[in-house]
Amino acid sequence: MKVILLAGGFGTRLAEYTDVIPKPMVPVGGKPILWHIMQTYASFGHKDFYVALGYKAEVIKDYFLNYRALNADFTVDLASGNVTSHQVDTVDWKVTLVNTGDASMTGGRVKRMQSFIGNETCMITYGDGVADIDLDALLAFHRSHGKMVTISAVRPAARFGELEMDGPRVVSFQEKPQLHDGWINGGYFVVEPKFFELIADDSTMLEREPLEQATQAGELMAYRHDGFWHCMDTKRDHELLETLWATDAGPWKI
């Protein structure tokens, strides 16, 4: 199935890195976080990617144009110009890179991918969130209800310790627990072709009019993912993901 990856935002809260590279290219364990997300999809057999570019699009283009060289040892014959690769990272992905405008909103970026997707069901996600989500189960859920859109609902860990109190007495304390009732949009969408009709233009935010209209029409369903999910919004998030990867504790690790 075709997968749209939203990779065009400015990532202003990660300015330590995004002054130089776009957020989807910030490395975790030596690979861009975008690569980790693609690896998750590929592990379930979804290897046809459509990357919606914007801010610093040339960095992402350069990465995939030079993917084989960046991920292999090689010998260069300077006399002939011949290059012999050794130990090539032979991923079998197909990656289409599409400029969708620096200022386009998330919905506008999705709309610009319509001609590449055609009249097909497709998957969409953001280029900055990793998860150990079961994409087979997500797709089966989507097909079972027959609605236009499935969104993955996740419960991220709280940023602070949680107290349960009986008057002034603390009866339960959990340091940064997973939120109990706070289901949020975790990306990892599955959408039918008619969803594109709900997006007006480049100024449309995916999370506003299109999803609100789908909700009002009874066409939005939520797949509840109770496992690991983490969005890389800040330097703290990046440091956490790096630590998880380095200690082999990253649940999304394939």
C-alpha atoms as a PDB file:
ATOM      1  CA  MET A   1       0.000   0.000   0.000  1.00  0.00           C
ATOM      2  CA  LYS A   2       1.175   3.554  -0.740  1.00  0.00           C
ATOM      3  CA  VAL A   3       2.352   5.570   2.272  1.00  0.00           C
ATOM      4  CA  ILE A   4       2.396   9.372   2.472  1.00  0.00           C
ATOM      5  CA  LEU A   5       4.997  10.782   4.867  1.00  0.00           C
ATOM      6  CA  LEU A   6       4.603  14.411   5.965  1.00  0.00           C
ATOM      7  CA  ALA A   7       8.123  15.809   6.075  1.00  0.00           C
ATOM      8  CA  GLY A   8       7.822  19.501   5.264  1.00  0.00           C
ATOM      9  CA  GLY A   9       7.393  21.352   8.559  1.00  0.00           C
ATOM     10  CA  PHE A  10       9.846  23.799  10.110  1.00  0.00           C
ATOM     11  CA  GLY A  11      10.391  21.952  13.406  1.00  0.00           C
ATOM     12  CA  THR A  12      10.925  25.196  15.306  1.00  0.00           C
ATOM     13  CA  ARG A  13      10.942  23.513  18.733  1.00  0.00           C
ATOM     14  CA  LEU A  14      14.007  21.540  17.657  1.00  0.00           C
ATOM     15  CA  ALA A  15      15.940  24.579  16.471  1.00  0.00           C
ATOM     16  CA  GLU A  16      19.193  23.091  17.827  1.00  0.00           C
ATOM     17  CA  TYR A  17      19.068  20.745  14.829  1.00  0.00           C
ATOM     18  CA  THR A  18      16.523  22.197  12.398  1.00  0.00           C
ATOM     19  CA  ASP A  19      18.483  25.351  11.663  1.00  0.00           C
ATOM     20  CA  VAL A  20      20.609  23.017   9.540  1.00  0.00           C
ATOM     21  CA  ILE A  21      18.418  20.021   8.634  1.00  0.00           C
ATOM     22  CA  PRO A  22      14.652  19.385   8.524  1.00  0.00           C
ATOM     23  CA  LYS A  23      13.185  17.610  11.552  1.00  0.00           C
ATOM     24  CA  PRO A  24      12.560  14.278   9.751  1.00  0.00           C
ATOM     25  CA  MET A  25      16.309  14.091   9.110  1.00  0.00           C
ATOM     26  CA  VAL A  26      17.341  14.482  12.764  1.00  0.00           C
ATOM     27  CA  PRO A  27      19.245  11.250  13.470  1.00  0.00           C
ATOM     28  CA  VAL A  28      18.364   8.608  16.028  1.00  0.00           C
ATOM     29  CA  GLY A  29      20.988   5.919  16.302  1.00  0.00           C
ATOM     30  CA  GLY A  30      22.767   7.286  13.243  1.00  0.00           C
ATOM     31  CA  LYS A  31      19.700   7.159  10.973  1.00  0.00           C
ATOM     32  CA  PRO A  32      17.139   9.910  10.300  1.00  0.00           C
ATOM     33  CA  ILE A  33      13.933   9.491  12.295  1.00  0.00           C
ATOM     34  CA  LEU A  34      12.185   9.400   8.908  1.00  0.00           C
ATOM     35  CA  TRP A  35      14.143   6.222   8.107  1.00  0.00           C
ATOM     36  CA  HIS A  36      12.932   4.592  11.344  1.00  0.00           C
ATOM     37  CA  ILE A  37       9.308   5.326  10.437  1.00  0.00           C
ATOM     38  CA  MET A  38       9.800   3.933   6.935  1.00  0.00           C
ATOM     39  CA  GLN A  39      11.434   0.839   8.391  1.00  0.00           C
ATOM     40  CA  THR A  40       8.315   0.212  10.492  1.00  0.00           C
ATOM     41  CA  TYR A  41       6.072   0.375   7.425  1.00  0.00           C
ATOM     42  CA  ALA A  42       8.455  -1.724   5.346  1.00  0.00           C
ATOM     43  CA  SER A  43       8.504  -4.459   7.996  1.00  0.00           C
ATOM     44  CA  PHE A  44       4.768  -4.912   7.306  1.00  0.00           C
ATOM     45  CA  GLY A  45       5.294  -4.960   3.544  1.00  0.00           C
ATOM     46  CA  HIS A  46       4.417  -1.311   2.813  1.00  0.00           C
ATOM     47  CA  LYS A  47       7.392  -0.074   0.808  1.00  0.00           C
ATOM     48  CA  ASP A  48       5.951   2.451  -1.660  1.00  0.00           C
ATOM     49  CA  PHE A  49       6.633   5.831  -0.038  1.00  0.00           C
ATOM     50  CA  TYR A  50       5.563   9.334  -1.052  1.00  0.00           C
ATOM     51  CA  VAL A  51       7.426  11.961   0.942  1.00  0.00           C
ATOM     52  CA  ALA A  52       5.797  15.413   1.118  1.00  0.00           C
ATOM     53  CA  LEU A  53       8.687  17.875   1.246  1.00  0.00           C
ATOM     54  CA  GLY A  54       8.850  21.519   2.265  1.00  0.00           C
ATOM     55  CA  TYR A  55      11.430  23.126   4.523  1.00  0.00           C
ATOM     56  CA  LYS A  56      14.981  22.208   3.433  1.00  0.00           C
ATOM     57  CA  ALA A  57      13.630  19.713   0.893  1.00  0.00           C
ATOM     58  CA  GLU A  58      17.071  19.466  -0.710  1.00  0.00           C
ATOM     59  CA  VAL A  59      18.493  17.743   2.386  1.00  0.00           C
ATOM     60  CA  ILE A  60      15.994  14.897   2.168  1.00  0.00           C
ATOM     61  CA  LYS A  61      16.435  14.653  -1.610  1.00  0.00           C
ATOM     62  CA  ASP A  62      20.211  14.447  -1.240  1.00  0.00           C
ATOM     63  CA  TYR A  63      19.882  11.700   1.371  1.00  0.00           C
ATOM     64  CA  PHE A  64      17.818   9.412  -0.848  1.00  0.00           C
ATOM     65  CA  LEU A  65      19.695  10.250  -4.045  1.00  0.00           C
ATOM     66  CA  ASN A  66      22.903   9.203  -2.275  1.00  0.00           C
ATOM     67  CA  TYR A  67      21.364   6.485  -0.106  1.00  0.00           C
ATOM     68  CA  ARG A  68      23.503   3.631  -1.445  1.00  0.00           C
ATOM     69  CA  ALA A  69      26.738   5.579  -1.033  1.00  0.00           C
ATOM     70  CA  LEU A  70      25.819   6.812   2.452  1.00  0.00           C
ATOM     71  CA  ASN A  71      24.985   3.312   3.646  1.00  0.00           C
ATOM     72  CA  ALA A  72      27.783   1.261   2.112  1.00  0.00           C
ATOM     73  CA  ASP A  73      31.538   0.947   1.945  1.00  0.00           C
ATOM     74  CA  PHE A  74      32.845   1.545  -1.575  1.00  0.00           C
ATOM     75  CA  THR A  75      35.967   1.857  -3.688  1.00  0.00           C
ATOM     76  CA  VAL A  76      36.391   4.715  -6.163  1.00  0.00           C
ATOM     77  CA  ASP A  77      38.721   4.325  -9.134  1.00  0.00           C
ATOM     78  CA  LEU A  78      39.745   7.939  -9.672  1.00  0.00           C
ATOM     79  CA  ALA A  79      41.195   7.191 -13.099  1.00  0.00           C
ATOM     80  CA  SER A  80      38.032   5.667 -14.575  1.00  0.00           C
ATOM     81  CA  GLY A  81      35.414   7.062 -12.210  1.00  0.00           C
ATOM     82  CA  ASN A  82      34.114   3.554 -11.543  1.00  0.00           C
ATOM     83  CA  VAL A  83      32.642   2.900  -8.102  1.00  0.00           C
ATOM     84  CA  THR A  84      32.505  -0.555  -6.534  1.00  0.00           C
ATOM     85  CA  SER A  85      30.173  -0.920  -3.559  1.00  0.00           C
ATOM     86  CA  HIS A  86      30.783  -3.269  -0.644  1.00  0.00           C
ATOM     87  CA  GLN A  87      28.286  -4.397   2.008  1.00  0.00           C
ATOM     88  CA  VAL A  88      25.416  -2.418   0.494  1.00  0.00           C
ATOM     89  CA  ASP A  89      22.323  -1.690   2.615  1.00  0.00           C
ATOM     90  CA  THR A  90      19.915  -3.244   0.141  1.00  0.00           C
ATOM     91  CA  VAL A  91      16.510  -1.911   1.139  1.00  0.00           C
ATOM     92  CA  ASP A  92      13.887  -2.530  -1.534  1.00  0.00           C
ATOM     93  CA  TRP A  93      11.846   0.618  -0.986  1.00  0.00           C
ATOM     94  CA  LYS A  94      10.452   2.875  -3.688  1.00  0.00           C
ATOM     95  CA  VAL A  95      10.660   6.517  -2.581  1.00  0.00           C
ATOM     96  CA  THR A  96       8.919   9.369  -4.413  1.00  0.00           C
ATOM     97  CA  LEU A  97       9.978  12.828  -3.228  1.00  0.00           C
ATOM     98  CA  VAL A  98       7.499  15.641  -3.878  1.00  0.00           C
ATOM     99  CA  ASN A  99       7.954  19.352  -3.198  1.00  0.00           C
ATOM    100  CA  THR A 100       4.724  20.502  -1.553  1.00  0.00           C
ATOM    101  CA  GLY A 101       5.739  24.070  -0.714  1.00  0.00           C
ATOM    102  CA  ASP A 102       7.536  25.616   2.243  1.00  0.00           C
ATOM    103  CA  ALA A 103       4.404  27.296   3.598  1.00  0.00           C
ATOM    104  CA  SER A 104       1.820  24.572   2.947  1.00  0.00           C
ATOM    105  CA  MET A 105      -0.110  23.210   5.904  1.00  0.00           C
ATOM    106  CA  THR A 106      -0.355  19.476   6.582  1.00  0.00           C
ATOM    107  CA  GLY A 107      -3.632  19.131   4.698  1.00  0.00           C
ATOM    108  CA  GLY A 108      -2.265  21.029   1.736  1.00  0.00           C
ATOM    109  CA  ARG A 109       0.701  18.685   1.585  1.00  0.00           C
ATOM    110  CA  VAL A 110      -1.595  15.660   1.558  1.00  0.00           C
ATOM    111  CA  LYS A 111      -3.744  17.240  -1.170  1.00  0.00           C
ATOM    112  CA  ARG A 112      -0.701  17.722  -3.384  1.00  0.00           C
ATOM    113  CA  MET A 113      -0.031  13.967  -3.219  1.00  0.00           C
ATOM    114  CA  GLN A 114      -3.456  13.069  -4.644  1.00  0.00           C
ATOM    115  CA  SER A 115      -2.227  12.630  -8.216  1.00  0.00           C
ATOM    116  CA  PHE A 116       0.406  10.152  -7.035  1.00  0.00           C
ATOM    117  CA  ILE A 117      -2.027   8.098  -4.947  1.00  0.00           C
ATOM    118  CA  GLY A 118      -4.868   7.909  -7.465  1.00  0.00           C
ATOM    119  CA  ASN A 119      -8.068   6.085  -6.583  1.00  0.00           C
ATOM    120  CA  GLU A 120      -6.491   3.919  -3.883  1.00  0.00           C
ATOM    121  CA  THR A 121      -6.653   3.479  -0.143  1.00  0.00           C
ATOM    122  CA  CYS A 122      -3.432   4.820   1.345  1.00  0.00           C
ATOM    123  CA  MET A 123      -1.648   5.344   4.655  1.00  0.00           C
ATOM    124  CA  ILE A 124      -0.465   8.698   6.003  1.00  0.00           C
ATOM    125  CA  THR A 125       1.733   9.631   8.940  1.00  0.00           C
ATOM    126  CA  TYR A 126       3.941  12.379  10.289  1.00  0.00           C
ATOM    127  CA  GLY A 127       7.687  12.318   9.779  1.00  0.00           C
ATOM    128  CA  ASP A 128       8.588  12.692  13.442  1.00  0.00           C
ATOM    129  CA  GLY A 129       6.791   9.990  15.448  1.00  0.00           C
ATOM    130  CA  VAL A 130       7.909   6.395  16.040  1.00  0.00           C
ATOM    131  CA  ALA A 131       5.750   3.568  17.387  1.00  0.00           C
ATOM    132  CA  ASP A 132       5.616  -0.191  17.769  1.00  0.00           C
ATOM    133  CA  ILE A 133       2.199  -0.141  16.109  1.00  0.00           C
ATOM    134  CA  ASP A 134       0.776  -3.304  14.493  1.00  0.00           C
ATOM    135  CA  LEU A 135       0.058  -2.038  10.987  1.00  0.00           C
ATOM    136  CA  ASP A 136      -1.619  -5.311   9.986  1.00  0.00           C
ATOM    137  CA  ALA A 137      -4.118  -4.868  12.813  1.00  0.00           C
ATOM    138  CA  LEU A 138      -4.582  -1.183  11.922  1.00  0.00           C
ATOM    139  CA  LEU A 139      -5.356  -2.033   8.308  1.00  0.00           C
ATOM    140  CA  ALA A 140      -7.679  -4.888   9.272  1.00  0.00           C
ATOM    141  CA  PHE A 141      -9.555  -2.522  11.596  1.00  0.00           C
ATOM    142  CA  HIS A 142      -9.921   0.037   8.814  1.00  0.00           C
ATOM    143  CA  ARG A 143     -11.278  -2.527   6.379  1.00  0.00           C
ATOM    144  CA  SER A 144     -13.671  -3.915   8.990  1.00  0.00           C
ATOM    145  CA  HIS A 145     -15.601  -0.678   9.576  1.00  0.00           C
ATOM    146  CA  GLY A 146     -15.776   0.605   6.001  1.00  0.00           C
ATOM    147  CA  LYS A 147     -15.466   4.287   6.913  1.00  0.00           C
ATOM    148  CA  MET A 148     -13.428   6.956   5.119  1.00  0.00           C
ATOM    149  CA  VAL A 149     -10.688   7.543   7.694  1.00  0.00           C
ATOM    150  CA  THR A 150      -8.958   5.654  10.480  1.00  0.00           C
ATOM    151  CA  ILE A 151      -6.746   7.554  12.884  1.00  0.00           C
ATOM    152  CA  SER A 152      -4.409   5.908  15.381  1.00  0.00           C
ATOM    153  CA  ALA A 153      -5.234   7.034  18.911  1.00  0.00           C
ATOM    154  CA  VAL A 154      -2.335   6.906  21.362  1.00  0.00           C
ATOM    155  CA  ARG A 155      -1.758   7.723  25.021  1.00  0.00           C
ATOM    156  CA  PRO A 156       1.666   9.307  25.469  1.00  0.00           C
ATOM    157  CA  ALA A 157       3.548   9.281  28.725  1.00  0.00           C
ATOM    158  CA  ALA A 158       2.874  12.279  30.937  1.00  0.00           C
ATOM    159  CA  ARG A 159       5.707  14.782  31.236  1.00  0.00           C
ATOM    160  CA  PHE A 160       5.310  14.982  35.010  1.00  0.00           C
ATOM    161  CA  GLY A 161       4.622  12.614  37.890  1.00  0.00           C
ATOM    162  CA  GLU A 162       0.949  11.871  38.524  1.00  0.00           C
ATOM    163  CA  LEU A 163      -0.608  12.100  41.986  1.00  0.00           C
ATOM    164  CA  GLU A 164      -3.909  10.495  42.979  1.00  0.00           C
ATOM    165  CA  MET A 165      -5.186  12.227  46.102  1.00  0.00           C
ATOM    166  CA  ASP A 166      -7.827  11.728  48.768  1.00  0.00           C
ATOM    167  CA  GLY A 167      -8.055  15.230  50.185  1.00  0.00           C
ATOM    168  CA  PRO A 168      -4.459  16.155  51.114  1.00  0.00           C
ATOM    169  CA  ARG A 169      -3.374  12.502  51.357  1.00  0.00           C
ATOM    170  CA  VAL A 170      -1.530  11.014  48.386  1.00  0.00           C
ATOM    171  CA  VAL A 171      -2.911   7.525  47.692  1.00  0.00           C
ATOM    172  CA  SER A 172      -0.998   6.840  44.482  1.00  0.00           C
ATOM    173  CA  PHE A 173       2.143   8.236  42.894  1.00  0.00           C
ATOM    174  CA  GLN A 174       3.455   7.374  39.428  1.00  0.00           C
ATOM    175  CA  GLU A 175       6.472   9.038  37.876  1.00  0.00           C
ATOM    176  CA  LYS A 176       5.568  10.056  34.307  1.00  0.00           C
ATOM    177  CA  PRO A 177       2.922   7.370  33.729  1.00  0.00           C
ATOM    178  CA  GLN A 178       1.106   6.744  30.479  1.00  0.00           C
ATOM    179  CA  LEU A 179      -1.931   9.004  30.368  1.00  0.00           C
ATOM    180  CA  HIS A 180      -5.073   7.167  31.449  1.00  0.00           C
ATOM    181  CA  ASP A 181      -7.783   8.951  29.488  1.00  0.00           C
ATOM    182  CA  GLY A 182      -5.874  11.332  27.238  1.00  0.00           C
ATOM    183  CA  TRP A 183      -6.158   9.705  23.822  1.00  0.00           C
ATOM    184  CA  ILE A 184      -4.535  11.909  21.177  1.00  0.00           C
ATOM    185  CA  ASN A 185      -3.890  11.867  17.432  1.00  0.00           C
ATOM    186  CA  GLY A 186      -0.818   9.689  16.891  1.00  0.00           C
ATOM    187  CA  GLY A 187      -0.816   9.820  13.088  1.00  0.00           C
ATOM    188  CA  TYR A 188      -0.629   6.452  11.330  1.00  0.00           C
ATOM    189  CA  PHE A 189      -3.812   7.116   9.331  1.00  0.00           C
ATOM    190  CA  VAL A 190      -5.525   4.948   6.765  1.00  0.00           C
ATOM    191  CA  VAL A 191      -7.702   6.914   4.328  1.00  0.00           C
ATOM    192  CA  GLU A 192      -9.961   6.268   1.381  1.00  0.00           C
ATOM    193  CA  PRO A 193      -9.592   8.342  -1.834  1.00  0.00           C
ATOM    194  CA  LYS A 194     -12.664  10.492  -1.064  1.00  0.00           C
ATOM    195  CA  PHE A 195     -10.764  11.987   1.869  1.00  0.00           C
ATOM    196  CA  PHE A 196      -8.795  14.181  -0.550  1.00  0.00           C
ATOM    197  CA  GLU A 197     -12.072  15.929  -1.464  1.00  0.00           C
ATOM    198  CA  LEU A 198     -12.288  17.324   2.083  1.00  0.00           C
ATOM    199  CA  ILE A 199      -9.028  19.260   1.656  1.00  0.00           C
ATOM    200  CA  ALA A 200      -9.470  22.693   0.087  1.00  0.00           C
ATOM    201  CA  ASP A 201      -5.969  23.980  -0.629  1.00  0.00           C
ATOM    202  CA  ASP A 202      -2.456  24.575   0.711  1.00  0.00           C
ATOM    203  CA  SER A 203      -3.798  26.560   3.676  1.00  0.00           C
ATOM    204  CA  THR A 204      -5.792  23.605   5.029  1.00  0.00           C
ATOM    205  CA  MET A 205      -4.592  21.911   8.201  1.00  0.00           C
ATOM    206  CA  LEU A 206      -5.176  18.171   8.103  1.00  0.00           C
ATOM    207  CA  GLU A 207      -6.118  18.229  11.778  1.00  0.00           C
ATOM    208  CA  ARG A 208      -8.819  20.882  11.359  1.00  0.00           C
ATOM    209  CA  GLU A 209     -11.440  21.003   8.578  1.00  0.00           C
ATOM    210  CA  PRO A 210     -10.811  17.609   6.896  1.00  0.00           C
ATOM    211  CA  LEU A 211     -10.853  15.533  10.087  1.00  0.00           C
ATOM    212  CA  GLU A 212     -13.579  17.671  11.646  1.00  0.00           C
ATOM    213  CA  GLN A 213     -15.782  17.176   8.573  1.00  0.00           C
ATOM    214  CA  ALA A 214     -15.072  13.442   8.554  1.00  0.00           C
ATOM    215  CA  THR A 215     -16.072  13.329  12.227  1.00  0.00           C
ATOM    216  CA  GLN A 216     -19.322  15.214  11.630  1.00  0.00           C
ATOM    217  CA  ALA A 217     -20.173  12.834   8.777  1.00  0.00           C
ATOM    218  CA  GLY A 218     -19.524   9.798  10.977  1.00  0.00           C
ATOM    219  CA  GLU A 219     -16.595   8.784   8.754  1.00  0.00           C
ATOM    220  CA  LEU A 220     -13.728   8.948  11.264  1.00  0.00           C
ATOM    221  CA  MET A 221     -12.809   5.897  13.333  1.00  0.00           C
ATOM    222  CA  ALA A 222     -10.022   5.484  15.891  1.00  0.00           C
ATOM    223  CA  TYR A 223      -7.700   2.500  16.167  1.00  0.00           C
ATOM    224  CA  ARG A 224      -6.477   2.370  19.767  1.00  0.00           C
ATOM    225  CA  HIS A 225      -2.762   1.736  20.014  1.00  0.00           C
ATOM    226  CA  ASP A 226      -1.853   0.937  23.618  1.00  0.00           C
ATOM    227  CA  GLY A 227       1.831   0.327  22.948  1.00  0.00           C
ATOM    228  CA  PHE A 228       4.818   2.604  22.542  1.00  0.00           C
ATOM    229  CA  TRP A 229       4.508   5.898  20.680  1.00  0.00           C
ATOM    230  CA  HIS A 230       6.738   8.935  20.916  1.00  0.00           C
ATOM    231  CA  CYS A 231       6.868  12.123  18.901  1.00  0.00           C
ATOM    232  CA  MET A 232      10.179  13.961  18.597  1.00  0.00           C
ATOM    233  CA  ASP A 233       9.092  17.536  19.303  1.00  0.00           C
ATOM    234  CA  THR A 234      11.882  18.780  21.558  1.00  0.00           C
ATOM    235  CA  LYS A 235      15.528  18.193  22.407  1.00  0.00           C
ATOM    236  CA  ARG A 236      14.389  16.167  25.423  1.00  0.00           C
ATOM    237  CA  ASP A 237      12.366  13.896  23.133  1.00  0.00           C
ATOM    238  CA  HIS A 238      15.369  13.418  20.881  1.00  0.00           C
ATOM    239  CA  GLU A 239      17.615  12.551  23.804  1.00  0.00           C
ATOM    240  CA  LEU A 240      15.086   9.996  25.067  1.00  0.00           C
ATOM    241  CA  LEU A 241      14.841   8.275  21.684  1.00  0.00           C
ATOM    242  CA  GLU A 242      18.631   8.218  21.345  1.00  0.00           C
ATOM    243  CA  THR A 243      18.938   6.617  24.786  1.00  0.00           C
ATOM    244  CA  LEU A 244      16.296   4.001  24.025  1.00  0.00           C
ATOM    245  CA  TRP A 245      18.012   3.103  20.766  1.00  0.00           C
ATOM    246  CA  ALA A 246      21.504   2.965  22.277  1.00  0.00           C
ATOM    247  CA  THR A 247      20.368   0.646  25.061  1.00  0.00           C
ATOM    248  CA  ASP A 248      18.358  -1.633  22.748  1.00  0.00           C
ATOM    249  CA  ALA A 249      15.245  -0.539  24.642  1.00  0.00           C
ATOM    250  CA  GLY A 250      13.513   1.127  21.703  1.00  0.00           C
ATOM    251  CA  PRO A 251      10.210  -0.750  21.262  1.00  0.00           C
ATOM    252  CA  TRP A 252       9.959   0.370  17.625  1.00  0.00           C
ATOM    253  CA  LYS A 253      13.341  -1.167  16.783  1.00  0.00           C
ATOM    254  CA  ILE A 254      13.072  -3.789  14.031  1.00  0.00           C
END
